[in-house]
Every structure is written in C-alpha cells, then in structure tokens.
C-alpha atoms as a PDB file:
ATOM      1  CA  MET A   1      -0.115   0.283  -0.032  1.00  0.00           C
ATOM      2  CA  LEU A   2       2.607   2.661   0.831  1.00  0.00           C
ATOM      3  CA  GLU A   3       4.391   1.591  -2.307  1.00  0.00           C
ATOM      4  CA  LEU A   4       1.605   1.842  -4.182  1.00  0.00           C
ATOM      5  CA  LEU A   5       0.811   5.720  -2.029  1.00  0.00           C
ATOM      6  CA  ALA A   6       4.494   6.316  -3.274  1.00  0.00           C
ATOM      7  CA  GLN A   7       5.064   5.717  -6.773  1.00  0.00           C
ATOM      8  CA  ALA A   8       1.515   8.049  -6.709  1.00  0.00           C
ATOM      9  CA  GLU A   9       2.570  11.211  -5.412  1.00  0.00           C
ATOM     10  CA  THR A  10       5.733  10.983  -8.878  1.00  0.00           C
ATOM     11  CA  GLY A  11       2.852  10.741 -11.362  1.00  0.00           C
ATOM     12  CA  GLY A  12       3.239   7.121 -11.289  1.00  0.00           C
ATOM     13  CA  VAL A  13      -0.103   3.990 -11.019  1.00  0.00           C
ATOM     14  CA  LEU A  14      -3.006   6.358  -9.508  1.00  0.00           C
ATOM     15  CA  GLY A  15      -1.987   9.883  -9.652  1.00  0.00           C
ATOM     16  CA  PRO A  16      -1.440  12.557  -7.189  1.00  0.00           C
ATOM     17  CA  LEU A  17      -5.013  13.535  -7.774  1.00  0.00           C
ATOM     18  CA  SER A  18      -7.323  10.457  -7.220  1.00  0.00           C
ATOM     19  CA  VAL A  19      -4.668   9.861  -3.804  1.00  0.00           C
ATOM     20  CA  HIS A  20      -5.567  13.018  -2.493  1.00  0.00           C
ATOM     21  CA  LEU A  21      -9.437  11.893  -3.185  1.00  0.00           C
ATOM     22  CA  VAL A  22      -8.768   8.496  -1.855  1.00  0.00           C
ATOM     23  CA  VAL A  23      -7.097  10.163   1.650  1.00  0.00           C
ATOM     24  CA  PHE A  24     -10.582  12.363   1.553  1.00  0.00           C
ATOM     25  CA  LEU A  25     -12.925   9.825   0.650  1.00  0.00           C
ATOM     26  CA  LEU A  26     -11.706   7.559   4.338  1.00  0.00           C
ATOM     27  CA  ALA A  27     -11.310  10.634   6.854  1.00  0.00           C
ATOM     28  CA  ILE A  28     -14.703  11.395   6.333  1.00  0.00           C
ATOM     29  CA  LEU A  29     -15.543   8.659   6.590  1.00  0.00           C
ATOM     30  CA  LEU A  30     -14.037   7.395   9.501  1.00  0.00           C
ATOM     31  CA  GLY A  31     -15.079  11.047  10.855  1.00  0.00           C
ATOM     32  CA  PHE A  32     -18.751   9.931  10.818  1.00  0.00           C
ATOM     33  CA  GLU A  33     -17.982   6.494  12.295  1.00  0.00           C
ATOM     34  CA  VAL A  34     -15.940   8.106  14.561  1.00  0.00           C
ATOM     35  CA  ILE A  35     -18.469  10.621  15.432  1.00  0.00           C
ATOM     36  CA  SER A  36     -21.903   9.084  15.598  1.00  0.00           C
ATOM     37  CA  LYS A  37     -20.260   7.466  18.885  1.00  0.00           C
ATOM     38  CA  VAL A  38     -19.884   9.331  21.152  1.00  0.00           C
ATOM     39  CA  PRO A  39     -21.998   9.932  23.956  1.00  0.00           C
ATOM     40  CA  ALA A  40     -24.162  12.917  24.540  1.00  0.00           C
ATOM     41  CA  THR A  41     -22.246  13.350  27.804  1.00  0.00           C
ATOM     42  CA  LEU A  42     -18.852  13.393  26.026  1.00  0.00           C
ATOM     43  CA  HIS A  43     -19.817  16.723  23.517  1.00  0.00           C
ATOM     44  CA  THR A  44     -19.037  19.587  25.274  1.00  0.00           C
ATOM     45  CA  PRO A  45     -15.491  18.556  25.962  1.00  0.00           C
ATOM     46  CA  LEU A  46     -15.269  17.433  22.316  1.00  0.00           C
ATOM     47  CA  MET A  47     -17.224  20.468  21.082  1.00  0.00           C
ATOM     48  CA  SER A  48     -13.876  22.235  22.081  1.00  0.00           C
ATOM     49  CA  GLY A  49     -11.586  20.121  21.004  1.00  0.00           C
ATOM     50  CA  SER A  50     -13.048  20.601  17.267  1.00  0.00           C
ATOM     51  CA  ASN A  51     -12.227  24.286  18.324  1.00  0.00           C
ATOM     52  CA  ALA A  52      -9.423  24.100  19.097  1.00  0.00           C
ATOM     53  CA  ILE A  53      -8.374  22.386  15.865  1.00  0.00           C
ATOM     54  CA  SER A  54     -10.604  24.868  14.070  1.00  0.00           C
ATOM     55  CA  GLY A  55      -8.731  27.865  15.050  1.00  0.00           C
ATOM     56  CA  ILE A  56      -5.266  26.555  13.968  1.00  0.00           C
ATOM     57  CA  THR A  57      -7.416  25.418  11.318  1.00  0.00           C
ATOM     58  CA  ILE A  58      -7.602  29.422  10.816  1.00  0.00           C
ATOM     59  CA  VAL A  59      -4.043  30.126  11.811  1.00  0.00           C
ATOM     60  CA  GLY A  60      -2.946  28.136   7.973  1.00  0.00           C
ATOM     61  CA  ALA A  61      -5.240  30.219   6.774  1.00  0.00           C
ATOM     62  CA  LEU A  62      -4.069  33.077   7.242  1.00  0.00           C
ATOM     63  CA  VAL A  63      -0.857  32.077   6.361  1.00  0.00           C
ATOM     64  CA  ILE A  64      -1.939  30.540   3.400  1.00  0.00           C
ATOM     65  CA  ALA A  65      -3.512  33.383   2.135  1.00  0.00           C
ATOM     66  CA  GLY A  66      -1.978  35.994   2.819  1.00  0.00           C
ATOM     67  CA  THR A  67       1.052  34.539   1.848  1.00  0.00           C
ATOM     68  CA  VAL A  68       2.453  37.684  -0.892  1.00  0.00           C
ATOM     69  CA  ASP A  69       3.936  34.742  -4.035  1.00  0.00           C
ATOM     70  CA  THR A  70       0.749  32.862  -4.337  1.00  0.00           C
ATOM     71  CA  SER A  71      -1.677  31.814  -7.099  1.00  0.00           C
ATOM     72  CA  TRP A  72      -5.584  32.990  -7.164  1.00  0.00           C
ATOM     73  CA  VAL A  73      -6.789  29.566  -6.358  1.00  0.00           C
ATOM     74  CA  LYS A  74      -4.654  29.538  -3.362  1.00  0.00           C
ATOM     75  CA  TYR A  75      -5.349  32.251  -2.371  1.00  0.00           C
ATOM     76  CA  ILE A  76      -9.608  32.007  -2.675  1.00  0.00           C
ATOM     77  CA  PHE A  77      -8.584  28.840  -1.599  1.00  0.00           C
ATOM     78  CA  GLY A  78      -7.275  29.665   1.605  1.00  0.00           C
ATOM     79  CA  PHE A  79      -9.538  32.600   1.874  1.00  0.00           C
ATOM     80  CA  LEU A  80     -12.786  29.890   2.146  1.00  0.00           C
ATOM     81  CA  ALA A  81     -10.919  28.002   4.688  1.00  0.00           C
ATOM     82  CA  MET A  82     -10.650  30.941   6.659  1.00  0.00           C
ATOM     83  CA  VAL A  83     -15.076  31.793   6.408  1.00  0.00           C
ATOM     84  CA  PHE A  84     -15.609  27.630   6.998  1.00  0.00           C
ATOM     85  CA  ALA A  85     -13.134  27.043  10.283  1.00  0.00           C
ATOM     86  CA  THR A  86     -14.273  30.950  11.502  1.00  0.00           C
ATOM     87  CA  VAL A  87     -18.408  29.704  11.196  1.00  0.00           C
ATOM     88  CA  ASN A  88     -17.434  26.713  12.676  1.00  0.00           C
ATOM     89  CA  VAL A  89     -15.579  27.946  15.347  1.00  0.00           C
ATOM     90  CA  VAL A  90     -18.686  31.039  16.291  1.00  0.00           C
ATOM     91  CA  GLY A  91     -20.811  27.851  15.821  1.00  0.00           C
ATOM     92  CA  GLY A  92     -19.068  25.841  18.121  1.00  0.00           C
ATOM     93  CA  PHE A  93     -18.993  28.299  21.023  1.00  0.00           C
ATOM     94  CA  VAL A  94     -22.428  29.146  21.005  1.00  0.00           C
ATOM     95  CA  VAL A  95     -23.995  25.702  21.000  1.00  0.00           C
ATOM     96  CA  THR A  96     -21.047  24.669  23.913  1.00  0.00           C
ATOM     97  CA  ASP A  97     -22.795  27.965  25.470  1.00  0.00           C
ATOM     98  CA  ARG A  98     -25.957  27.343  25.210  1.00  0.00           C
ATOM     99  CA  MET A  99     -25.172  23.194  26.285  1.00  0.00           C
ATOM    100  CA  LEU A 100     -23.886  24.717  29.558  1.00  0.00           C
ATOM    101  CA  GLY A 101     -26.092  27.383  30.180  1.00  0.00           C
ATOM    102  CA  MET A 102     -28.819  24.528  31.016  1.00  0.00           C
ATOM    103  CA  PHE A 103     -26.681  23.296  34.350  1.00  0.00           C
ATOM    104  CA  LYS A 104     -26.763  27.052  35.474  1.00  0.00           C
ATOM    105  CA  ARG A 105     -29.447  27.889  38.316  1.00  0.00           C
ATOM    106  CA  ARG A 106     -31.945  30.337  37.348  1.00  0.00           C
END
C-alpha cells in the first residue's frame, strides 16, 4: 500500500489527485464513524476540542491567504478555509454556551 502511495506521488499508478481524493473520502468515513459513536455526555468537551482545531485551521488559512507569491487559487482556498473555520468556531462556541447554560441555576 505504501509503495502505491509513493508511486502515485511521483505520477505512477494512480496520480496525486486520486490519492488525495481517496484519503479525503477515507477521512470523511472515519470521521463520521468516530463522531456517531460519541455519547451525549462527551459532546461538549469534544466541541471544545473541535474549536481548538478550527482555530489552528484559521491560522493556517491566514498564512496561506496572506502569502504574497501565491496564485489566486491558493488565495481563494485560503480565504474559504478561513471563512468556514471561523463559522465552525463561532457556531461551536454558541452551541457550547447553550449547552452549559442548561446547567446554570435560574
């Protein structure tokens, strides 16, 4: 398997785009399986961890979008990554705040 991936990166058996698509699809399936098995009591801590990861994504997107010598495609993808990660962080904080609000005394 590793030999196929190494050949694909150099343009051998599959091609770099095919390998990236396969890895992306496997990540989607694995992520869905992992998240669907999370009990409700662990949802809030998992959301906080997801917010931290999205914060790292925002920093990476800013670096990509802010690089002077990039093409417009990298700029667009960096900007979209920044927008989607920001929406994820803000939404995660809103959901976490609402869930923690259920435990406050009135």
